[in-house]
Amino acid sequence: MFSLWLELVGEKQKTFLDNLNRLEKLGIIESTETWLQLRGLRDQMVHEYIDSPEVLANALNQAAQHIDFLQKSMDNVLFDLKSRRLS
């Protein structure tokens, strides 16, 4: 999502971390650190074999606590695209 947004608004794409820092600076995301934490949770749930239901439940609960953060990030992208008349 963010790569496409960066392309649409004419931002030069760099490394994932540089892109997140740019998104934070532009106000699209509130925190690069939070985004990195959520990415780590995603990797844990998707790419790592979790043999303990408790570990999986803990990861899902942690992710669920950030639904508002994720929703706000998406809302910011959509608002920005509308304000630029790109949507």
PDB file of N, CA and C in Angstrom:
ATOM      1  N   MET A   1       0.821  -1.177   0.000  1.00  0.00           N
ATOM      2  CA  MET A   1       0.000   0.000   0.000  1.00  0.00           C
ATOM      3  C   MET A   1       0.871   1.249   0.000  1.00  0.00           C
ATOM      4  N   PHE A   2       1.865   1.271   0.880  1.00  0.00           N
ATOM      5  CA  PHE A   2       2.677   2.469   0.987  1.00  0.00           C
ATOM      6  C   PHE A   2       3.548   2.684  -0.240  1.00  0.00           C
ATOM      7  N   SER A   3       4.040   1.606  -0.825  1.00  0.00           N
ATOM      8  CA  SER A   3       4.855   1.742  -2.038  1.00  0.00           C
ATOM      9  C   SER A   3       4.044   2.372  -3.155  1.00  0.00           C
ATOM     10  N   LEU A   4       2.813   1.927  -3.306  1.00  0.00           N
ATOM     11  CA  LEU A   4       1.940   2.493  -4.329  1.00  0.00           C
ATOM     12  C   LEU A   4       1.647   3.958  -4.040  1.00  0.00           C
ATOM     13  N   TRP A   5       1.376   4.287  -2.789  1.00  0.00           N
ATOM     14  CA  TRP A   5       1.111   5.684  -2.422  1.00  0.00           C
ATOM     15  C   TRP A   5       2.330   6.549  -2.737  1.00  0.00           C
ATOM     16  N   LEU A   6       3.517   6.093  -2.346  1.00  0.00           N
ATOM     17  CA  LEU A   6       4.738   6.856  -2.625  1.00  0.00           C
ATOM     18  C   LEU A   6       4.893   7.099  -4.121  1.00  0.00           C
ATOM     19  N   GLU A   7       4.624   6.078  -4.918  1.00  0.00           N
ATOM     20  CA  GLU A   7       4.715   6.213  -6.369  1.00  0.00           C
ATOM     21  C   GLU A   7       3.697   7.219  -6.896  1.00  0.00           C
ATOM     22  N   LEU A   8       2.473   7.113  -6.426  1.00  0.00           N
ATOM     23  CA  LEU A   8       1.409   8.008  -6.898  1.00  0.00           C
ATOM     24  C   LEU A   8       1.677   9.479  -6.584  1.00  0.00           C
ATOM     25  N   VAL A   9       2.282   9.737  -5.440  1.00  0.00           N
ATOM     26  CA  VAL A   9       2.511  11.137  -5.050  1.00  0.00           C
ATOM     27  C   VAL A   9       3.888  11.636  -5.472  1.00  0.00           C
ATOM     28  N   GLY A  10       4.631  10.808  -6.204  1.00  0.00           N
ATOM     29  CA  GLY A  10       5.905  11.247  -6.750  1.00  0.00           C
ATOM     30  C   GLY A  10       7.068  11.227  -5.785  1.00  0.00           C
ATOM     31  N   GLU A  11       6.945  10.449  -4.716  1.00  0.00           N
ATOM     32  CA  GLU A  11       8.040  10.316  -3.758  1.00  0.00           C
ATOM     33  C   GLU A  11       9.004   9.237  -4.243  1.00  0.00           C
ATOM     34  N   LYS A  12      10.273   9.487  -4.071  1.00  0.00           N
ATOM     35  CA  LYS A  12      11.297   8.506  -4.430  1.00  0.00           C
ATOM     36  C   LYS A  12      11.290   7.386  -3.400  1.00  0.00           C
ATOM     37  N   GLN A  13      11.230   6.155  -3.885  1.00  0.00           N
ATOM     38  CA  GLN A  13      11.221   5.019  -2.971  1.00  0.00           C
ATOM     39  C   GLN A  13      12.651   4.626  -2.626  1.00  0.00           C
ATOM     40  N   LYS A  14      12.816   4.274  -1.359  1.00  0.00           N
ATOM     41  CA  LYS A  14      14.125   3.874  -0.857  1.00  0.00           C
ATOM     42  C   LYS A  14      13.963   2.553  -0.120  1.00  0.00           C
ATOM     43  N   THR A  15      14.761   2.326   0.904  1.00  0.00           N
ATOM     44  CA  THR A  15      14.627   1.099   1.688  1.00  0.00           C
ATOM     45  C   THR A  15      13.307   1.143   2.453  1.00  0.00           C
ATOM     46  N   PHE A  16      12.871  -0.007   2.915  1.00  0.00           N
ATOM     47  CA  PHE A  16      11.621  -0.082   3.676  1.00  0.00           C
ATOM     48  C   PHE A  16      11.657   0.862   4.873  1.00  0.00           C
ATOM     49  N   LEU A  17      12.761   0.846   5.618  1.00  0.00           N
ATOM     50  CA  LEU A  17      12.875   1.709   6.793  1.00  0.00           C
ATOM     51  C   LEU A  17      12.876   3.181   6.403  1.00  0.00           C
ATOM     52  N   ASP A  18      13.595   3.534   5.347  1.00  0.00           N
ATOM     53  CA  ASP A  18      13.590   4.925   4.880  1.00  0.00           C
ATOM     54  C   ASP A  18      12.190   5.352   4.456  1.00  0.00           C
ATOM     55  N   ASN A  19      11.473   4.448   3.781  1.00  0.00           N
ATOM     56  CA  ASN A  19      10.102   4.756   3.363  1.00  0.00           C
ATOM     57  C   ASN A  19       9.201   4.990   4.575  1.00  0.00           C
ATOM     58  N   LEU A  20       9.331   4.144   5.594  1.00  0.00           N
ATOM     59  CA  LEU A  20       8.530   4.332   6.809  1.00  0.00           C
ATOM     60  C   LEU A  20       8.856   5.665   7.479  1.00  0.00           C
ATOM     61  N   ASN A  21      10.137   5.992   7.564  1.00  0.00           N
ATOM     62  CA  ASN A  21      10.517   7.271   8.159  1.00  0.00           C
ATOM     63  C   ASN A  21       9.929   8.440   7.371  1.00  0.00           C
ATOM     64  N   ARG A  22       9.928   8.336   6.053  1.00  0.00           N
ATOM     65  CA  ARG A  22       9.336   9.393   5.211  1.00  0.00           C
ATOM     66  C   ARG A  22       7.831   9.475   5.452  1.00  0.00           C
ATOM     67  N   LEU A  23       7.168   8.334   5.531  1.00  0.00           N
ATOM     68  CA  LEU A  23       5.728   8.310   5.789  1.00  0.00           C
ATOM     69  C   LEU A  23       5.411   8.946   7.137  1.00  0.00           C
ATOM     70  N   GLU A  24       6.242   8.698   8.134  1.00  0.00           N
ATOM     71  CA  GLU A  24       6.032   9.309   9.444  1.00  0.00           C
ATOM     72  C   GLU A  24       6.223  10.826   9.350  1.00  0.00           C
ATOM     73  N   LYS A  25       7.254  11.246   8.661  1.00  0.00           N
ATOM     74  CA  LYS A  25       7.522  12.680   8.507  1.00  0.00           C
ATOM     75  C   LYS A  25       6.372  13.390   7.794  1.00  0.00           C
ATOM     76  N   LEU A  26       5.765  12.707   6.831  1.00  0.00           N
ATOM     77  CA  LEU A  26       4.656  13.288   6.072  1.00  0.00           C
ATOM     78  C   LEU A  26       3.313  13.155   6.792  1.00  0.00           C
ATOM     79  N   GLY A  27       3.297  12.472   7.931  1.00  0.00           N
ATOM     80  CA  GLY A  27       2.073  12.343   8.713  1.00  0.00           C
ATOM     81  C   GLY A  27       1.144  11.233   8.273  1.00  0.00           C
ATOM     82  N   ILE A  28       1.629  10.349   7.422  1.00  0.00           N
ATOM     83  CA  ILE A  28       0.791   9.234   6.968  1.00  0.00           C
ATOM     84  C   ILE A  28       0.701   8.162   8.045  1.00  0.00           C
ATOM     85  N   ILE A  29       1.823   7.875   8.686  1.00  0.00           N
ATOM     86  CA  ILE A  29       1.804   6.968   9.837  1.00  0.00           C
ATOM     87  C   ILE A  29       2.256   7.752  11.063  1.00  0.00           C
ATOM     88  N   GLU A  30       1.801   7.319  12.215  1.00  0.00           N
ATOM     89  CA  GLU A  30       2.146   8.026  13.448  1.00  0.00           C
ATOM     90  C   GLU A  30       3.503   7.609  13.993  1.00  0.00           C
ATOM     91  N   SER A  31       3.934   6.379  13.692  1.00  0.00           N
ATOM     92  CA  SER A  31       5.159   5.889  14.306  1.00  0.00           C
ATOM     93  C   SER A  31       5.807   4.798  13.459  1.00  0.00           C
ATOM     94  N   THR A  32       7.025   5.053  13.049  1.00  0.00           N
ATOM     95  CA  THR A  32       7.803   4.026  12.353  1.00  0.00           C
ATOM     96  C   THR A  32       8.036   2.839  13.272  1.00  0.00           C
ATOM     97  N   GLU A  33       8.336   3.121  14.527  1.00  0.00           N
ATOM     98  CA  GLU A  33       8.624   2.056  15.494  1.00  0.00           C
ATOM     99  C   GLU A  33       7.416   1.118  15.657  1.00  0.00           C
ATOM    100  N   THR A  34       6.221   1.684  15.769  1.00  0.00           N
ATOM    101  CA  THR A  34       5.023   0.847  15.897  1.00  0.00           C
ATOM    102  C   THR A  34       4.825   0.005  14.650  1.00  0.00           C
ATOM    103  N   TRP A  35       5.049   0.606  13.478  1.00  0.00           N
ATOM    104  CA  TRP A  35       4.883  -0.142  12.233  1.00  0.00           C
ATOM    105  C   TRP A  35       5.862  -1.308  12.174  1.00  0.00           C
ATOM    106  N   LEU A  36       7.092  -1.089  12.615  1.00  0.00           N
ATOM    107  CA  LEU A  36       8.079  -2.164  12.633  1.00  0.00           C
ATOM    108  C   LEU A  36       7.686  -3.270  13.612  1.00  0.00           C
ATOM    109  N   GLN A  37       7.126  -2.885  14.755  1.00  0.00           N
ATOM    110  CA  GLN A  37       6.654  -3.888  15.719  1.00  0.00           C
ATOM    111  C   GLN A  37       5.536  -4.732  15.119  1.00  0.00           C
ATOM    112  N   LEU A  38       4.613  -4.075  14.425  1.00  0.00           N
ATOM    113  CA  LEU A  38       3.507  -4.808  13.810  1.00  0.00           C
ATOM    114  C   LEU A  38       3.997  -5.723  12.693  1.00  0.00           C
ATOM    115  N   ARG A  39       4.979  -5.264  11.964  1.00  0.00           N
ATOM    116  CA  ARG A  39       5.552  -6.109  10.923  1.00  0.00           C
ATOM    117  C   ARG A  39       6.191  -7.351  11.548  1.00  0.00           C
ATOM    118  N   GLY A  40       6.844  -7.166  12.678  1.00  0.00           N
ATOM    119  CA  GLY A  40       7.425  -8.302  13.388  1.00  0.00           C
ATOM    120  C   GLY A  40       6.364  -9.286  13.843  1.00  0.00           C
ATOM    121  N   LEU A  41       5.244  -8.772  14.325  1.00  0.00           N
ATOM    122  CA  LEU A  41       4.136  -9.656  14.718  1.00  0.00           C
ATOM    123  C   LEU A  41       3.596 -10.412  13.517  1.00  0.00           C
ATOM    124  N   ARG A  42       3.449  -9.711  12.401  1.00  0.00           N
ATOM    125  CA  ARG A  42       2.961 -10.366  11.188  1.00  0.00           C
ATOM    126  C   ARG A  42       3.903 -11.486  10.785  1.00  0.00           C
ATOM    127  N   ASP A  43       5.202 -11.186  10.793  1.00  0.00           N
ATOM    128  CA  ASP A  43       6.177 -12.213  10.439  1.00  0.00           C
ATOM    129  C   ASP A  43       6.090 -13.406  11.375  1.00  0.00           C
ATOM    130  N   GLN A  44       5.897 -13.121  12.643  1.00  0.00           N
ATOM    131  CA  GLN A  44       5.788 -14.204  13.624  1.00  0.00           C
ATOM    132  C   GLN A  44       4.572 -15.074  13.333  1.00  0.00           C
ATOM    133  N   MET A  45       3.457 -14.454  13.003  1.00  0.00           N
ATOM    134  CA  MET A  45       2.232 -15.210  12.781  1.00  0.00           C
ATOM    135  C   MET A  45       2.210 -15.923  11.435  1.00  0.00           C
ATOM    136  N   VAL A  46       2.855 -15.336  10.424  1.00  0.00           N
ATOM    137  CA  VAL A  46       2.753 -15.870   9.077  1.00  0.00           C
ATOM    138  C   VAL A  46       3.931 -16.759   8.695  1.00  0.00           C
ATOM    139  N   HIS A  47       5.124 -16.329   9.055  1.00  0.00           N
ATOM    140  CA  HIS A  47       6.312 -17.013   8.556  1.00  0.00           C
ATOM    141  C   HIS A  47       6.925 -18.003   9.535  1.00  0.00           C
ATOM    142  N   GLU A  48       6.641 -17.853  10.794  1.00  0.00           N
ATOM    143  CA  GLU A  48       7.219 -18.752  11.777  1.00  0.00           C
ATOM    144  C   GLU A  48       6.177 -19.785  12.188  1.00  0.00           C
ATOM    145  N   TYR A  49       6.645 -20.985  12.412  1.00  0.00           N
ATOM    146  CA  TYR A  49       5.739 -22.036  12.863  1.00  0.00           C
ATOM    147  C   TYR A  49       5.478 -21.840  14.352  1.00  0.00           C
ATOM    148  N   ILE A  50       4.239 -21.622  14.683  1.00  0.00           N
ATOM    149  CA  ILE A  50       3.875 -21.447  16.085  1.00  0.00           C
ATOM    150  C   ILE A  50       3.184 -22.722  16.537  1.00  0.00           C
ATOM    151  N   ASP A  51       3.859 -23.461  17.393  1.00  0.00           N
ATOM    152  CA  ASP A  51       3.283 -24.727  17.846  1.00  0.00           C
ATOM    153  C   ASP A  51       2.533 -24.583  19.159  1.00  0.00           C
ATOM    154  N   SER A  52       2.546 -23.402  19.709  1.00  0.00           N
ATOM    155  CA  SER A  52       1.857 -23.172  20.969  1.00  0.00           C
ATOM    156  C   SER A  52       0.653 -22.260  20.742  1.00  0.00           C
ATOM    157  N   PRO A  53      -0.547 -22.728  21.048  1.00  0.00           N
ATOM    158  CA  PRO A  53      -1.732 -21.867  20.908  1.00  0.00           C
ATOM    159  C   PRO A  53      -1.613 -20.592  21.738  1.00  0.00           C
ATOM    160  N   GLU A  54      -0.925 -20.678  22.873  1.00  0.00           N
ATOM    161  CA  GLU A  54      -0.775 -19.502  23.723  1.00  0.00           C
ATOM    162  C   GLU A  54       0.087 -18.431  23.046  1.00  0.00           C
ATOM    163  N   VAL A  55       1.142 -18.856  22.349  1.00  0.00           N
ATOM    164  CA  VAL A  55       2.018 -17.911  21.644  1.00  0.00           C
ATOM    165  C   VAL A  55       1.248 -17.239  20.515  1.00  0.00           C
ATOM    166  N   LEU A  56       0.495 -18.024  19.760  1.00  0.00           N
ATOM    167  CA  LEU A  56      -0.308 -17.468  18.677  1.00  0.00           C
ATOM    168  C   LEU A  56      -1.367 -16.517  19.222  1.00  0.00           C
ATOM    169  N   ALA A  57      -2.054 -16.908  20.270  1.00  0.00           N
ATOM    170  CA  ALA A  57      -3.086 -16.050  20.869  1.00  0.00           C
ATOM    171  C   ALA A  57      -2.478 -14.739  21.353  1.00  0.00           C
ATOM    172  N   ASN A  58      -1.303 -14.810  21.952  1.00  0.00           N
ATOM    173  CA  ASN A  58      -0.630 -13.600  22.422  1.00  0.00           C
ATOM    174  C   ASN A  58      -0.302 -12.670  21.253  1.00  0.00           C
ATOM    175  N   ALA A  59       0.218 -13.223  20.162  1.00  0.00           N
ATOM    176  CA  ALA A  59       0.545 -12.417  18.985  1.00  0.00           C
ATOM    177  C   ALA A  59      -0.711 -11.781  18.390  1.00  0.00           C
ATOM    178  N   LEU A  60      -1.784 -12.549  18.311  1.00  0.00           N
ATOM    179  CA  LEU A  60      -3.050 -12.009  17.781  1.00  0.00           C
ATOM    180  C   LEU A  60      -3.603 -10.909  18.681  1.00  0.00           C
ATOM    181  N   ASN A  61      -3.521 -11.103  19.983  1.00  0.00           N
ATOM    182  CA  ASN A  61      -3.995 -10.070  20.912  1.00  0.00           C
ATOM    183  C   ASN A  61      -3.167  -8.802  20.812  1.00  0.00           C
ATOM    184  N   GLN A  62      -1.857  -8.952  20.657  1.00  0.00           N
ATOM    185  CA  GLN A  62      -1.004  -7.773  20.495  1.00  0.00           C
ATOM    186  C   GLN A  62      -1.361  -7.023  19.214  1.00  0.00           C
ATOM    187  N   ALA A  63      -1.568  -7.764  18.137  1.00  0.00           N
ATOM    188  CA  ALA A  63      -1.928  -7.146  16.866  1.00  0.00           C
ATOM    189  C   ALA A  63      -3.283  -6.439  16.967  1.00  0.00           C
ATOM    190  N   ALA A  64      -4.222  -7.058  17.634  1.00  0.00           N
ATOM    191  CA  ALA A  64      -5.563  -6.475  17.765  1.00  0.00           C
ATOM    192  C   ALA A  64      -5.534  -5.138  18.501  1.00  0.00           C
ATOM    193  N   GLN A  65      -4.566  -4.959  19.376  1.00  0.00           N
ATOM    194  CA  GLN A  65      -4.460  -3.697  20.118  1.00  0.00           C
ATOM    195  C   GLN A  65      -4.068  -2.530  19.211  1.00  0.00           C
ATOM    196  N   HIS A  66      -3.646  -2.833  17.984  1.00  0.00           N
ATOM    197  CA  HIS A  66      -3.176  -1.784  17.074  1.00  0.00           C
ATOM    198  C   HIS A  66      -4.111  -1.561  15.890  1.00  0.00           C
ATOM    199  N   ILE A  67      -5.333  -2.062  15.979  1.00  0.00           N
ATOM    200  CA  ILE A  67      -6.280  -1.890  14.880  1.00  0.00           C
ATOM    201  C   ILE A  67      -6.523  -0.410  14.591  1.00  0.00           C
ATOM    202  N   ASP A  68      -6.663   0.405  15.617  1.00  0.00           N
ATOM    203  CA  ASP A  68      -6.882   1.838  15.395  1.00  0.00           C
ATOM    204  C   ASP A  68      -5.703   2.482  14.680  1.00  0.00           C
ATOM    205  N   PHE A  69      -4.488   2.090  15.038  1.00  0.00           N
ATOM    206  CA  PHE A  69      -3.281   2.598  14.383  1.00  0.00           C
ATOM    207  C   PHE A  69      -3.307   2.267  12.891  1.00  0.00           C
ATOM    208  N   LEU A  70      -3.636   1.020  12.572  1.00  0.00           N
ATOM    209  CA  LEU A  70      -3.681   0.586  11.180  1.00  0.00           C
ATOM    210  C   LEU A  70      -4.788   1.308  10.411  1.00  0.00           C
ATOM    211  N   GLN A  71      -5.953   1.450  11.050  1.00  0.00           N
ATOM    212  CA  GLN A  71      -7.069   2.131  10.404  1.00  0.00           C
ATOM    213  C   GLN A  71      -6.723   3.593  10.139  1.00  0.00           C
ATOM    214  N   LYS A  72      -6.100   4.244  11.098  1.00  0.00           N
ATOM    215  CA  LYS A  72      -5.728   5.644  10.922  1.00  0.00           C
ATOM    216  C   LYS A  72      -4.707   5.794   9.793  1.00  0.00           C
ATOM    217  N   SER A  73      -3.775   4.880   9.693  1.00  0.00           N
ATOM    218  CA  SER A  73      -2.793   4.924   8.612  1.00  0.00           C
ATOM    219  C   SER A  73      -3.494   4.837   7.258  1.00  0.00           C
ATOM    220  N   MET A  74      -4.440   3.910   7.131  1.00  0.00           N
ATOM    221  CA  MET A  74      -5.190   3.778   5.879  1.00  0.00           C
ATOM    222  C   MET A  74      -6.020   5.022   5.606  1.00  0.00           C
ATOM    223  N   ASP A  75      -6.673   5.545   6.626  1.00  0.00           N
ATOM    224  CA  ASP A  75      -7.455   6.771   6.468  1.00  0.00           C
ATOM    225  C   ASP A  75      -6.575   7.931   6.003  1.00  0.00           C
ATOM    226  N   ASN A  76      -5.364   8.014   6.542  1.00  0.00           N
ATOM    227  CA  ASN A  76      -4.447   9.080   6.148  1.00  0.00           C
ATOM    228  C   ASN A  76      -4.048   8.973   4.684  1.00  0.00           C
ATOM    229  N   VAL A  77      -3.806   7.741   4.223  1.00  0.00           N
ATOM    230  CA  VAL A  77      -3.483   7.532   2.804  1.00  0.00           C
ATOM    231  C   VAL A  77      -4.654   7.970   1.940  1.00  0.00           C
ATOM    232  N   LEU A  78      -5.854   7.527   2.274  1.00  0.00           N
ATOM    233  CA  LEU A  78      -7.031   7.870   1.473  1.00  0.00           C
ATOM    234  C   LEU A  78      -7.310   9.370   1.485  1.00  0.00           C
ATOM    235  N   PHE A  79      -7.190   9.993   2.652  1.00  0.00           N
ATOM    236  CA  PHE A  79      -7.395  11.441   2.752  1.00  0.00           C
ATOM    237  C   PHE A  79      -6.372  12.185   1.892  1.00  0.00           C
ATOM    238  N   ASP A  80      -5.128  11.769   1.960  1.00  0.00           N
ATOM    239  CA  ASP A  80      -4.094  12.421   1.166  1.00  0.00           C
ATOM    240  C   ASP A  80      -4.361  12.278  -0.331  1.00  0.00           C
ATOM    241  N   LEU A  81      -4.733  11.085  -0.755  1.00  0.00           N
ATOM    242  CA  LEU A  81      -5.028  10.880  -2.171  1.00  0.00           C
ATOM    243  C   LEU A  81      -6.198  11.736  -2.634  1.00  0.00           C
ATOM    244  N   LYS A  82      -7.225  11.840  -1.790  1.00  0.00           N
ATOM    245  CA  LYS A  82      -8.376  12.682  -2.146  1.00  0.00           C
ATOM    246  C   LYS A  82      -7.987  14.143  -2.212  1.00  0.00           C
ATOM    247  N   SER A  83      -7.160  14.587  -1.249  1.00  0.00           N
ATOM    248  CA  SER A  83      -6.759  15.994  -1.244  1.00  0.00           C
ATOM    249  C   SER A  83      -5.893  16.328  -2.468  1.00  0.00           C
ATOM    250  N   ARG A  84      -5.211  15.349  -3.019  1.00  0.00           N
ATOM    251  CA  ARG A  84      -4.400  15.539  -4.228  1.00  0.00           C
ATOM    252  C   ARG A  84      -5.200  15.238  -5.484  1.00  0.00           C
ATOM    253  N   ARG A  85      -6.458  14.861  -5.297  1.00  0.00           N
ATOM    254  CA  ARG A  85      -7.344  14.483  -6.409  1.00  0.00           C
ATOM    255  C   ARG A  85      -6.787  13.290  -7.199  1.00  0.00           C
ATOM    256  N   LEU A  86      -6.254  12.338  -6.465  1.00  0.00           N
ATOM    257  CA  LEU A  86      -5.707  11.134  -7.081  1.00  0.00           C
ATOM    258  C   LEU A  86      -6.584   9.910  -6.846  1.00  0.00           C
ATOM    259  N   SER A  87      -7.727  10.103  -6.203  1.00  0.00           N
ATOM    260  CA  SER A  87      -8.617   8.961  -5.996  1.00  0.00           C
ATOM    261  C   SER A  87      -9.998   9.270  -6.498  1.00  0.00           C
TER     262      SER A  87
END
